[in-house]
Amino acid sequence: MPSLYPDVKGILYALKDKGIDVAIASRSSTPEIAKTILDKIHNQTKIPYIDMLFFDDEHRNIIA
């Protein structure tokens, strides 16, 4: 079962209360799986990739 950082649950509830839709995809060990997850989110929501936000706290991805 995935775990969340301590403040995440409150942030998600605040976004929900403001009517902001959120889709969450967790870490994957392969880029192909991550791309598939993002494609599923895009196909279901029709939100353009340019309008999506991506947050990552993994050091190697922050540098990249």
PDB file of N, CA and C in Angstrom:
ATOM      1  N   MET A   1       0.840  -1.180   0.000  1.00  0.00           N
ATOM      2  CA  MET A   1       0.000   0.000   0.000  1.00  0.00           C
ATOM      3  C   MET A   1       0.887   1.247   0.000  1.00  0.00           C
ATOM      4  N   PRO A   2       0.670   2.173  -0.955  1.00  0.00           N
ATOM      5  CA  PRO A   2       1.479   3.391  -0.998  1.00  0.00           C
ATOM      6  C   PRO A   2       1.230   4.261   0.230  1.00  0.00           C
ATOM      7  N   SER A   3       2.237   5.011   0.586  1.00  0.00           N
ATOM      8  CA  SER A   3       2.083   5.944   1.706  1.00  0.00           C
ATOM      9  C   SER A   3       2.240   7.372   1.192  1.00  0.00           C
ATOM     10  N   LEU A   4       1.696   8.306   1.950  1.00  0.00           N
ATOM     11  CA  LEU A   4       1.741   9.718   1.576  1.00  0.00           C
ATOM     12  C   LEU A   4       2.590  10.500   2.565  1.00  0.00           C
ATOM     13  N   TYR A   5       3.198  11.571   2.080  1.00  0.00           N
ATOM     14  CA  TYR A   5       3.859  12.487   3.001  1.00  0.00           C
ATOM     15  C   TYR A   5       2.788  13.071   3.918  1.00  0.00           C
ATOM     16  N   PRO A   6       3.168  13.503   5.127  1.00  0.00           N
ATOM     17  CA  PRO A   6       2.189  13.923   6.132  1.00  0.00           C
ATOM     18  C   PRO A   6       1.177  14.983   5.668  1.00  0.00           C
ATOM     19  N   ASP A   7       1.591  15.955   4.882  1.00  0.00           N
ATOM     20  CA  ASP A   7       0.687  17.053   4.500  1.00  0.00           C
ATOM     21  C   ASP A   7      -0.148  16.778   3.254  1.00  0.00           C
ATOM     22  N   VAL A   8       0.128  15.691   2.567  1.00  0.00           N
ATOM     23  CA  VAL A   8      -0.520  15.438   1.283  1.00  0.00           C
ATOM     24  C   VAL A   8      -2.029  15.257   1.418  1.00  0.00           C
ATOM     25  N   LYS A   9      -2.464  14.507   2.401  1.00  0.00           N
ATOM     26  CA  LYS A   9      -3.901  14.250   2.552  1.00  0.00           C
ATOM     27  C   LYS A   9      -4.675  15.568   2.708  1.00  0.00           C
ATOM     28  N   GLY A  10      -4.184  16.465   3.519  1.00  0.00           N
ATOM     29  CA  GLY A  10      -4.841  17.758   3.709  1.00  0.00           C
ATOM     30  C   GLY A  10      -4.867  18.582   2.437  1.00  0.00           C
ATOM     31  N   ILE A  11      -3.777  18.534   1.679  1.00  0.00           N
ATOM     32  CA  ILE A  11      -3.713  19.268   0.410  1.00  0.00           C
ATOM     33  C   ILE A  11      -4.732  18.703  -0.574  1.00  0.00           C
ATOM     34  N   LEU A  12      -4.812  17.385  -0.653  1.00  0.00           N
ATOM     35  CA  LEU A  12      -5.773  16.767  -1.573  1.00  0.00           C
ATOM     36  C   LEU A  12      -7.210  17.114  -1.200  1.00  0.00           C
ATOM     37  N   TYR A  13      -7.517  17.105   0.096  1.00  0.00           N
ATOM     38  CA  TYR A  13      -8.867  17.489   0.527  1.00  0.00           C
ATOM     39  C   TYR A  13      -9.156  18.952   0.215  1.00  0.00           C
ATOM     40  N   ALA A  14      -8.166  19.822   0.383  1.00  0.00           N
ATOM     41  CA  ALA A  14      -8.358  21.244   0.074  1.00  0.00           C
ATOM     42  C   ALA A  14      -8.616  21.444  -1.415  1.00  0.00           C
ATOM     43  N   LEU A  15      -7.890  20.720  -2.255  1.00  0.00           N
ATOM     44  CA  LEU A  15      -8.126  20.809  -3.699  1.00  0.00           C
ATOM     45  C   LEU A  15      -9.524  20.323  -4.053  1.00  0.00           C
ATOM     46  N   LYS A  16      -9.935  19.222  -3.434  1.00  0.00           N
ATOM     47  CA  LYS A  16     -11.272  18.680  -3.682  1.00  0.00           C
ATOM     48  C   LYS A  16     -12.340  19.681  -3.265  1.00  0.00           C
ATOM     49  N   ASP A  17     -12.171  20.313  -2.099  1.00  0.00           N
ATOM     50  CA  ASP A  17     -13.129  21.306  -1.614  1.00  0.00           C
ATOM     51  C   ASP A  17     -13.257  22.492  -2.564  1.00  0.00           C
ATOM     52  N   LYS A  18     -12.181  22.799  -3.286  1.00  0.00           N
ATOM     53  CA  LYS A  18     -12.203  23.918  -4.235  1.00  0.00           C
ATOM     54  C   LYS A  18     -12.664  23.476  -5.628  1.00  0.00           C
ATOM     55  N   GLY A  19     -13.023  22.189  -5.770  1.00  0.00           N
ATOM     56  CA  GLY A  19     -13.509  21.691  -7.046  1.00  0.00           C
ATOM     57  C   GLY A  19     -12.418  21.431  -8.072  1.00  0.00           C
ATOM     58  N   ILE A  20     -11.192  21.261  -7.611  1.00  0.00           N
ATOM     59  CA  ILE A  20     -10.070  21.015  -8.515  1.00  0.00           C
ATOM     60  C   ILE A  20      -9.877  19.513  -8.663  1.00  0.00           C
ATOM     61  N   ASP A  21      -9.961  19.039  -9.900  1.00  0.00           N
ATOM     62  CA  ASP A  21      -9.772  17.618 -10.179  1.00  0.00           C
ATOM     63  C   ASP A  21      -8.292  17.257 -10.093  1.00  0.00           C
ATOM     64  N   VAL A  22      -8.017  16.095  -9.541  1.00  0.00           N
ATOM     65  CA  VAL A  22      -6.639  15.639  -9.364  1.00  0.00           C
ATOM     66  C   VAL A  22      -6.548  14.178  -9.798  1.00  0.00           C
ATOM     67  N   ALA A  23      -5.500  13.863 -10.523  1.00  0.00           N
ATOM     68  CA  ALA A  23      -5.163  12.479 -10.845  1.00  0.00           C
ATOM     69  C   ALA A  23      -3.755  12.251 -10.319  1.00  0.00           C
ATOM     70  N   ILE A  24      -3.543  11.112  -9.707  1.00  0.00           N
ATOM     71  CA  ILE A  24      -2.248  10.837  -9.096  1.00  0.00           C
ATOM     72  C   ILE A  24      -1.668   9.569  -9.692  1.00  0.00           C
ATOM     73  N   ALA A  25      -0.416   9.648 -10.094  1.00  0.00           N
ATOM     74  CA  ALA A  25       0.318   8.477 -10.571  1.00  0.00           C
ATOM     75  C   ALA A  25       1.586   8.384  -9.739  1.00  0.00           C
ATOM     76  N   SER A  26       1.817   7.228  -9.183  1.00  0.00           N
ATOM     77  CA  SER A  26       2.967   7.044  -8.316  1.00  0.00           C
ATOM     78  C   SER A  26       4.179   6.584  -9.107  1.00  0.00           C
ATOM     79  N   ARG A  27       5.264   6.494  -8.419  1.00  0.00           N
ATOM     80  CA  ARG A  27       6.541   6.112  -9.015  1.00  0.00           C
ATOM     81  C   ARG A  27       6.462   4.752  -9.695  1.00  0.00           C
ATOM     82  N   SER A  28       7.188   4.666 -10.800  1.00  0.00           N
ATOM     83  CA  SER A  28       7.311   3.412 -11.524  1.00  0.00           C
ATOM     84  C   SER A  28       8.780   3.190 -11.840  1.00  0.00           C
ATOM     85  N   SER A  29       9.192   1.942 -11.855  1.00  0.00           N
ATOM     86  CA  SER A  29      10.598   1.646 -12.123  1.00  0.00           C
ATOM     87  C   SER A  29      10.932   1.682 -13.612  1.00  0.00           C
ATOM     88  N   THR A  30       9.918   1.796 -14.464  1.00  0.00           N
ATOM     89  CA  THR A  30      10.188   1.846 -15.898  1.00  0.00           C
ATOM     90  C   THR A  30       9.471   3.027 -16.536  1.00  0.00           C
ATOM     91  N   PRO A  31      10.151   3.742 -17.399  1.00  0.00           N
ATOM     92  CA  PRO A  31       9.520   4.882 -18.077  1.00  0.00           C
ATOM     93  C   PRO A  31       8.313   4.478 -18.917  1.00  0.00           C
ATOM     94  N   GLU A  32       8.316   3.273 -19.470  1.00  0.00           N
ATOM     95  CA  GLU A  32       7.195   2.841 -20.310  1.00  0.00           C
ATOM     96  C   GLU A  32       5.901   2.754 -19.504  1.00  0.00           C
ATOM     97  N   ILE A  33       6.012   2.251 -18.272  1.00  0.00           N
ATOM     98  CA  ILE A  33       4.830   2.158 -17.408  1.00  0.00           C
ATOM     99  C   ILE A  33       4.343   3.556 -17.035  1.00  0.00           C
ATOM    100  N   ALA A  34       5.282   4.434 -16.699  1.00  0.00           N
ATOM    101  CA  ALA A  34       4.905   5.811 -16.349  1.00  0.00           C
ATOM    102  C   ALA A  34       4.207   6.487 -17.524  1.00  0.00           C
ATOM    103  N   LYS A  35       4.717   6.301 -18.733  1.00  0.00           N
ATOM    104  CA  LYS A  35       4.085   6.891 -19.916  1.00  0.00           C
ATOM    105  C   LYS A  35       2.684   6.325 -20.123  1.00  0.00           C
ATOM    106  N   THR A  36       2.509   5.034 -19.907  1.00  0.00           N
ATOM    107  CA  THR A  36       1.187   4.412 -20.042  1.00  0.00           C
ATOM    108  C   THR A  36       0.202   5.008 -19.043  1.00  0.00           C
ATOM    109  N   ILE A  37       0.647   5.212 -17.803  1.00  0.00           N
ATOM    110  CA  ILE A  37      -0.219   5.801 -16.779  1.00  0.00           C
ATOM    111  C   ILE A  37      -0.631   7.214 -17.181  1.00  0.00           C
ATOM    112  N   LEU A  38       0.350   8.018 -17.622  1.00  0.00           N
ATOM    113  CA  LEU A  38       0.033   9.386 -18.045  1.00  0.00           C
ATOM    114  C   LEU A  38      -0.888   9.389 -19.261  1.00  0.00           C
ATOM    115  N   ASP A  39      -0.658   8.463 -20.189  1.00  0.00           N
ATOM    116  CA  ASP A  39      -1.546   8.369 -21.358  1.00  0.00           C
ATOM    117  C   ASP A  39      -2.968   8.025 -20.934  1.00  0.00           C
ATOM    118  N   LYS A  40      -3.131   7.102 -19.942  1.00  0.00           N
ATOM    119  CA  LYS A  40      -4.481   6.756 -19.464  1.00  0.00           C
ATOM    120  C   LYS A  40      -5.149   7.967 -18.842  1.00  0.00           C
ATOM    121  N   ILE A  41      -4.386   8.738 -18.050  1.00  0.00           N
ATOM    122  CA  ILE A  41      -4.948   9.958 -17.441  1.00  0.00           C
ATOM    123  C   ILE A  41      -5.383  10.926 -18.537  1.00  0.00           C
ATOM    124  N   HIS A  42      -4.531  11.135 -19.514  1.00  0.00           N
ATOM    125  CA  HIS A  42      -4.837  12.057 -20.613  1.00  0.00           C
ATOM    126  C   HIS A  42      -6.054  11.595 -21.413  1.00  0.00           C
ATOM    127  N   ASN A  43      -6.096  10.317 -21.743  1.00  0.00           N
ATOM    128  CA  ASN A  43      -7.211   9.796 -22.543  1.00  0.00           C
ATOM    129  C   ASN A  43      -8.545   9.885 -21.813  1.00  0.00           C
ATOM    130  N   GLN A  44      -8.541   9.681 -20.509  1.00  0.00           N
ATOM    131  CA  GLN A  44      -9.794   9.715 -19.748  1.00  0.00           C
ATOM    132  C   GLN A  44     -10.252  11.135 -19.441  1.00  0.00           C
ATOM    133  N   THR A  45      -9.303  12.045 -19.236  1.00  0.00           N
ATOM    134  CA  THR A  45      -9.678  13.407 -18.842  1.00  0.00           C
ATOM    135  C   THR A  45      -9.715  14.381 -20.010  1.00  0.00           C
ATOM    136  N   LYS A  46      -9.025  14.037 -21.093  1.00  0.00           N
ATOM    137  CA  LYS A  46      -8.879  14.917 -22.262  1.00  0.00           C
ATOM    138  C   LYS A  46      -8.114  16.199 -21.918  1.00  0.00           C
ATOM    139  N   ILE A  47      -7.440  16.220 -20.787  1.00  0.00           N
ATOM    140  CA  ILE A  47      -6.624  17.377 -20.409  1.00  0.00           C
ATOM    141  C   ILE A  47      -5.321  17.309 -21.202  1.00  0.00           C
ATOM    142  N   PRO A  48      -4.969  18.375 -21.909  1.00  0.00           N
ATOM    143  CA  PRO A  48      -3.726  18.371 -22.669  1.00  0.00           C
ATOM    144  C   PRO A  48      -2.513  18.245 -21.726  1.00  0.00           C
ATOM    145  N   TYR A  49      -1.489  17.577 -22.187  1.00  0.00           N
ATOM    146  CA  TYR A  49      -0.291  17.402 -21.368  1.00  0.00           C
ATOM    147  C   TYR A  49       0.278  18.745 -20.921  1.00  0.00           C
ATOM    148  N   ILE A  50       0.173  19.744 -21.761  1.00  0.00           N
ATOM    149  CA  ILE A  50       0.706  21.072 -21.440  1.00  0.00           C
ATOM    150  C   ILE A  50       0.015  21.684 -20.221  1.00  0.00           C
ATOM    151  N   ASP A  51      -1.210  21.238 -19.923  1.00  0.00           N
ATOM    152  CA  ASP A  51      -1.965  21.771 -18.787  1.00  0.00           C
ATOM    153  C   ASP A  51      -1.823  20.917 -17.528  1.00  0.00           C
ATOM    154  N   MET A  52      -1.012  19.871 -17.592  1.00  0.00           N
ATOM    155  CA  MET A  52      -0.791  19.012 -16.427  1.00  0.00           C
ATOM    156  C   MET A  52       0.417  19.507 -15.636  1.00  0.00           C
ATOM    157  N   LEU A  53       0.366  19.294 -14.330  1.00  0.00           N
ATOM    158  CA  LEU A  53       1.503  19.605 -13.466  1.00  0.00           C
ATOM    159  C   LEU A  53       2.150  18.306 -13.024  1.00  0.00           C
ATOM    160  N   PHE A  54       3.457  18.315 -12.934  1.00  0.00           N
ATOM    161  CA  PHE A  54       4.197  17.141 -12.514  1.00  0.00           C
ATOM    162  C   PHE A  54       5.094  17.537 -11.357  1.00  0.00           C
ATOM    163  N   PHE A  55       4.962  16.835 -10.248  1.00  0.00           N
ATOM    164  CA  PHE A  55       5.791  17.070  -9.072  1.00  0.00           C
ATOM    165  C   PHE A  55       6.620  15.828  -8.803  1.00  0.00           C
ATOM    166  N   ASP A  56       7.882  16.048  -8.506  1.00  0.00           N
ATOM    167  CA  ASP A  56       8.769  14.920  -8.238  1.00  0.00           C
ATOM    168  C   ASP A  56       9.808  15.365  -7.221  1.00  0.00           C
ATOM    169  N   ASP A  57      10.032  14.539  -6.207  1.00  0.00           N
ATOM    170  CA  ASP A  57      11.041  14.889  -5.199  1.00  0.00           C
ATOM    171  C   ASP A  57      12.244  13.949  -5.235  1.00  0.00           C
ATOM    172  N   GLU A  58      12.322  13.116  -6.264  1.00  0.00           N
ATOM    173  CA  GLU A  58      13.469  12.227  -6.376  1.00  0.00           C
ATOM    174  C   GLU A  58      14.652  13.008  -6.927  1.00  0.00           C
ATOM    175  N   HIS A  59      15.764  12.958  -6.237  1.00  0.00           N
ATOM    176  CA  HIS A  59      16.920  13.796  -6.542  1.00  0.00           C
ATOM    177  C   HIS A  59      17.338  13.730  -8.017  1.00  0.00           C
ATOM    178  N   ARG A  60      17.427  12.528  -8.563  1.00  0.00           N
ATOM    179  CA  ARG A  60      17.891  12.408  -9.962  1.00  0.00           C
ATOM    180  C   ARG A  60      16.918  13.073 -10.937  1.00  0.00           C
ATOM    181  N   ASN A  61      15.630  13.106 -10.628  1.00  0.00           N
ATOM    182  CA  ASN A  61      14.664  13.749 -11.502  1.00  0.00           C
ATOM    183  C   ASN A  61      14.649  15.265 -11.322  1.00  0.00           C
ATOM    184  N   ILE A  62      14.961  15.729 -10.136  1.00  0.00           N
ATOM    185  CA  ILE A  62      15.047  17.166  -9.907  1.00  0.00           C
ATOM    186  C   ILE A  62      16.183  17.748 -10.754  1.00  0.00           C
ATOM    187  N   ILE A  63      17.305  17.050 -10.775  1.00  0.00           N
ATOM    188  CA  ILE A  63      18.447  17.504 -11.564  1.00  0.00           C
ATOM    189  C   ILE A  63      18.123  17.452 -13.050  1.00  0.00           C
ATOM    190  N   ALA A  64      17.483  16.384 -13.486  1.00  0.00           N
ATOM    191  CA  ALA A  64      17.149  16.241 -14.917  1.00  0.00           C
ATOM    192  C   ALA A  64      16.150  17.297 -15.341  1.00  0.00           C
TER     193      ALA A  64
END
